Protein backbone atom coordinates (compact mmCIF):
# COMPACT_ATOMS: atom_id res chain seq x y z
CA UNK A 1 53.99 152.27 32.06
CA UNK A 2 55.59 155.61 31.14
CA UNK A 3 52.68 156.79 28.98
CA UNK A 4 50.15 156.05 31.72
CA UNK A 5 52.32 157.97 34.19
CA UNK A 6 52.55 160.87 31.73
CA UNK A 7 48.80 161.00 31.07
CA UNK A 8 47.96 160.63 34.76
CA UNK A 9 50.34 163.41 35.72
CA UNK A 10 49.01 165.74 33.03
CA UNK A 11 45.41 165.07 34.02
CA UNK A 12 46.06 165.82 37.68
CA UNK A 13 48.26 168.90 37.14
CA UNK A 14 45.80 170.37 34.62
CA UNK A 15 42.93 169.84 37.05
CA UNK A 16 44.97 171.54 39.77
CA UNK A 17 45.79 174.49 37.47
CA UNK A 18 49.51 173.77 37.58
CA UNK A 19 50.02 174.78 33.97
CA UNK A 20 51.29 172.91 30.92
CA UNK A 21 53.65 169.98 31.51
CA UNK A 22 55.94 169.60 28.49
CA UNK A 23 57.47 166.25 27.50
CA UNK A 24 60.93 167.66 28.23
CA UNK A 25 59.91 168.68 31.75
CA UNK A 26 58.26 165.32 32.28
CA UNK A 27 61.33 163.36 31.18
CA UNK A 28 63.65 165.35 33.45
CA UNK A 29 61.29 164.87 36.38
CA UNK A 30 60.80 161.18 35.57
CA UNK A 31 64.54 160.57 35.67
CA UNK A 32 64.92 162.41 39.00
CA UNK A 33 62.11 160.40 40.59
CA UNK A 34 63.39 157.09 39.23
CA UNK A 35 66.82 157.85 40.73
CA UNK A 36 65.19 158.69 44.09
CA UNK A 37 63.28 155.40 44.15
CA UNK A 38 66.32 153.41 43.03
CA UNK A 39 68.57 154.87 45.74
CA UNK A 40 65.81 154.30 48.26
CA UNK A 41 65.92 150.55 47.61
CA UNK A 42 69.35 150.35 49.22
CA UNK A 43 68.32 152.45 52.21
CA UNK A 44 65.22 150.27 52.65
CA UNK A 45 67.25 147.07 52.23
CA UNK A 46 69.70 148.10 54.96
CA UNK A 47 66.85 149.13 57.28
CA UNK A 48 64.93 145.89 56.74
CA UNK A 49 68.09 143.80 57.12
CA UNK A 50 68.60 145.36 60.55
CA UNK A 51 65.00 144.52 61.45
CA UNK A 52 65.48 140.94 60.27
CA UNK A 53 68.61 140.58 62.40
CA UNK A 54 66.58 141.67 65.44
CA UNK A 55 63.79 139.21 64.62
CA UNK A 56 61.27 141.93 63.77
CA UNK A 57 60.19 140.68 60.33
CA UNK A 58 58.01 137.80 59.21
CA UNK A 59 59.29 134.85 57.22
CA UNK A 60 58.35 133.96 53.68
CA UNK A 61 56.80 136.25 51.09
CA UNK A 62 55.94 138.94 53.62
CA UNK A 63 59.58 139.25 54.62
CA UNK A 64 60.44 142.87 53.85
CA UNK A 65 64.12 142.16 53.34
CA UNK A 66 63.25 139.49 50.76
CA UNK A 67 60.90 141.82 48.89
CA UNK A 68 63.42 144.65 48.84
CA UNK A 69 66.10 142.33 47.51
CA UNK A 70 63.82 141.17 44.71
CA UNK A 71 63.40 144.78 43.55
CA UNK A 72 67.16 145.29 43.67
CA UNK A 73 68.03 142.02 41.91
CA UNK A 74 66.37 143.14 38.67
CA UNK A 75 69.40 145.41 38.29
CA UNK A 76 71.89 142.55 38.60
CA UNK A 77 74.25 142.27 35.65
CA UNK A 78 77.28 140.24 34.60
CA UNK A 79 79.91 141.23 32.09
CA UNK A 80 83.25 139.82 30.92
CA UNK A 81 86.06 142.33 30.50
CA UNK A 82 89.38 142.00 28.72
CA UNK A 83 92.32 144.05 29.94
CA UNK A 84 92.89 147.32 28.13
CA UNK A 85 96.32 146.83 26.57
CA UNK A 86 96.93 150.59 26.49
CA UNK A 87 96.39 151.21 30.21
CA UNK A 88 96.84 147.63 31.52
CA UNK A 89 93.63 148.17 33.48
CA UNK A 90 90.11 146.80 33.18
CA UNK A 91 87.48 149.35 32.09
CA UNK A 92 84.31 149.00 34.17
CA UNK A 93 80.82 149.13 32.59
CA UNK A 94 79.43 152.64 32.14
CA UNK A 95 76.15 151.68 33.87
CA UNK A 96 77.84 150.26 36.98
CA UNK A 97 76.32 151.36 40.31
CA UNK A 98 78.49 149.15 42.49
CA UNK A 99 80.29 145.83 42.34
CA UNK A 100 78.65 143.01 44.30
CA UNK A 101 80.45 141.30 47.16
CA UNK A 102 82.94 138.77 45.73
CA UNK A 103 81.84 140.08 42.35
CA UNK A 104 85.14 139.97 40.46
CA UNK A 105 86.58 136.66 39.28
CA UNK A 106 89.28 135.72 36.76
CA UNK A 107 88.19 133.82 33.68
CA UNK A 108 90.06 131.99 30.98
CA UNK A 109 88.57 131.99 27.53
CA UNK A 110 87.47 128.53 26.50
CA UNK A 111 87.32 127.28 30.09
CA UNK A 112 83.92 126.98 31.87
CA UNK A 113 83.58 129.80 34.40
CA UNK A 114 82.47 127.30 37.06
CA UNK A 115 86.14 126.32 37.35
CA UNK A 116 86.83 129.76 38.78
CA UNK A 117 83.82 130.08 41.07
CA UNK A 118 85.91 130.01 44.26
CA UNK A 119 88.80 132.02 42.85
CA UNK A 120 87.52 135.47 43.78
CA UNK A 121 89.66 138.54 43.11
CA UNK A 122 89.64 140.38 46.42
CA UNK A 123 89.38 144.16 46.57
CA UNK A 124 92.06 145.85 48.68
CA UNK A 125 93.01 149.43 49.50
CA UNK A 126 95.76 151.16 47.53
CA UNK A 127 98.42 150.85 50.22
CA UNK A 128 97.72 147.13 50.59
CA UNK A 129 97.60 146.66 46.82
CA UNK A 130 101.06 148.18 46.36
CA UNK A 131 102.46 146.09 49.21
CA UNK A 132 100.88 142.83 48.08
CA UNK A 133 101.92 143.41 44.48
CA UNK A 134 105.59 143.87 45.29
CA UNK A 135 106.35 142.01 48.52
CA UNK A 136 107.29 138.40 49.17
CA UNK A 137 103.63 137.77 49.97
CA UNK A 138 102.62 139.05 46.52
CA UNK A 139 99.23 138.20 45.06
CA UNK A 140 99.08 135.07 42.93
CA UNK A 141 96.70 133.58 40.40
CA UNK A 142 95.30 131.54 43.29
CA UNK A 143 94.87 134.57 45.55
CA UNK A 144 94.49 137.56 43.21
CA UNK A 145 93.63 141.11 44.30
CA UNK A 146 92.35 144.29 42.67
CA UNK A 147 92.35 148.01 43.35
CA UNK A 148 89.36 150.14 42.33
CA UNK A 149 89.68 153.48 40.57
CA UNK A 150 86.74 155.62 39.42
CA UNK A 151 85.97 153.75 36.20
CA UNK A 152 88.70 151.11 36.18
CA UNK A 153 90.26 148.39 38.26
CA UNK A 154 93.84 147.16 38.38
CA UNK A 155 94.37 143.44 38.99
CA UNK A 156 97.39 141.67 40.44
CA UNK A 157 99.01 139.46 39.30
CA UNK A 158 99.28 141.13 35.90
CA UNK A 159 99.07 137.75 34.16
CA UNK A 160 95.27 137.86 34.51
CA UNK A 161 93.94 139.10 31.17
CA UNK A 162 90.18 138.50 31.47
CA UNK A 163 87.75 138.95 34.35
CA UNK A 164 84.04 138.54 35.03
CA UNK A 165 82.29 141.27 37.00
CA UNK A 166 78.97 140.83 38.80
CA UNK A 167 77.46 144.18 39.59
CA UNK A 168 74.31 146.22 40.08
CA UNK A 169 73.63 148.54 37.18
CA UNK A 170 72.04 151.96 37.24
CA UNK A 171 68.48 152.18 35.89
CA UNK A 172 68.12 153.28 32.28
CA UNK A 173 66.89 156.86 31.95
CA UNK A 174 63.18 156.97 31.05
CA UNK A 175 62.14 158.85 27.92
CA UNK A 176 58.54 159.54 26.85
CA UNK A 177 58.71 159.90 23.07
CA UNK A 178 56.05 161.39 20.80
CA UNK A 179 55.12 162.87 17.44
CA UNK A 180 53.09 166.02 16.77
CA UNK A 181 49.68 166.18 15.12
CA UNK A 182 48.88 169.15 12.84
CA UNK A 183 47.06 170.80 15.74
CA UNK A 184 50.21 170.62 17.88
CA UNK A 185 49.03 167.80 20.14
CA UNK A 186 51.72 165.36 21.29
CA UNK A 187 50.94 161.69 20.67
CA UNK A 188 52.87 158.94 22.43
CA UNK A 189 55.25 157.11 20.07
CA UNK A 190 56.82 153.96 21.56
CA UNK A 191 58.28 153.08 18.13
CA UNK A 192 60.76 155.96 18.42
CA UNK A 193 64.30 154.59 18.79
CA UNK A 194 64.95 156.81 21.83
CA UNK A 195 61.85 155.55 23.69
CA UNK A 196 62.56 154.08 27.12
CA UNK A 197 60.01 152.97 29.70
CA UNK A 198 60.63 153.36 33.42
CA UNK A 199 63.27 150.86 34.50
CA UNK A 200 61.26 149.95 37.60
CA UNK A 201 58.68 147.31 38.44
CA UNK A 202 55.08 148.17 37.49
CA UNK A 203 54.12 147.99 41.17
CA UNK A 204 55.95 151.31 41.56
CA UNK A 205 53.36 153.12 39.42
CA UNK A 206 51.59 154.98 42.24
CA UNK A 207 54.88 155.71 43.97
CA UNK A 208 56.28 157.25 40.78
CA UNK A 209 53.20 159.42 40.21
CA UNK A 210 53.03 160.57 43.82
CA UNK A 211 56.70 161.52 43.92
CA UNK A 212 56.36 163.44 40.66
CA UNK A 213 53.26 165.22 41.94
CA UNK A 214 55.12 166.25 45.09
CA UNK A 215 57.26 168.52 42.89
CA UNK A 216 54.06 170.42 42.15
CA UNK A 217 53.01 170.50 45.79
CA UNK A 218 50.24 167.95 45.16
CA UNK A 219 49.64 164.97 47.44
CA UNK A 220 47.09 162.27 46.64
CA UNK A 221 46.20 158.93 48.16
CA UNK A 222 47.22 155.82 46.25
CA UNK A 223 43.61 154.83 45.56
CA UNK A 224 42.93 158.27 44.02
CA UNK A 225 45.86 157.88 41.65
CA UNK A 226 44.76 154.37 40.67
CA UNK A 227 41.19 155.58 39.99
CA UNK A 228 42.46 158.31 37.65
CA UNK A 229 44.79 155.86 35.90
CA UNK A 230 41.97 153.33 35.41
CA UNK A 231 39.75 156.07 33.99
CA UNK A 232 42.47 157.02 31.50
CA UNK A 233 43.01 153.39 30.51
CA UNK A 234 39.27 152.91 29.94
CA UNK A 235 39.17 156.09 27.84
CA UNK A 236 42.12 154.89 25.76
CA UNK A 237 40.49 151.49 25.21
CA UNK A 238 37.33 153.18 23.93
CA UNK A 239 39.36 155.35 21.54
CA UNK A 240 41.38 152.36 20.31
CA UNK A 241 38.24 150.32 19.64
CA UNK A 242 36.13 153.20 18.38
C-alpha cells in the first residue's frame, strides 16, 4: 500500500504546484499520519462504546464498536518474559502501547499456560504494592500483584520468575524504500531490508492520503483519491506488461 500512497500523494501535490516531495519528507509524514490514525482508534472505540451502552448502535457487522475493535485487535501481541536477574524486574517489550486488562499472568516453563488462565497478576499502585508486599496480607503465588514502571514491572511475590504479557503494540514505522536510476529518478524497492509498509488495514488508504494531503492544505473527496489511485495502478500495470 505504501507505494500507491506515495505515488498518489506525489501526483496530487505536483498537480497542485506544492513542490517536490522527497522520500524522506514522505516517510516522516507517513509516520505522523499513521500515529494519528492509530491513536484515533482508541478515541473512536471509547466513543462508540458509550453509544453502544446507550443503545445507539446496530447489532452485528454494522456495530461500530465491533468494527473499531477489529482494527485495534490487529495490534494484539503476546510475549513471555523472564525476570532480569540484574534488576529483579521484568523488562517490557519496546513496542508496547499498553497492557491489556488482566494481561499479565505467571507462567511456569514446561507447564501449559492454560493452567494459569485464572491466575492473573493484578496491577496495583506503588503505595499498595509496598504494603501488600510486606504486610501480613502479602501477595502470594495465588494472588500475585505487580507495579508498573516506565519500561519495567515488578512482581510480588518475588518467587515468580516468568510471566506472560498480553498487550497492544505500537504500529511499525512505515518506510518507502527506493533506488536511484542514472537520471536521478527514485524507483520503489520493496526488496530493501529497511522497507516497511503501513501497519494499518488497506481500508485506511483514502484516510491516509487525505490526512497527508491536509499537511499541504489540500482536501479531496474519497472518490477523487480512489480515481487517481486507480489511474496510477492502471498505468503501472501497462508499464509492467509493456
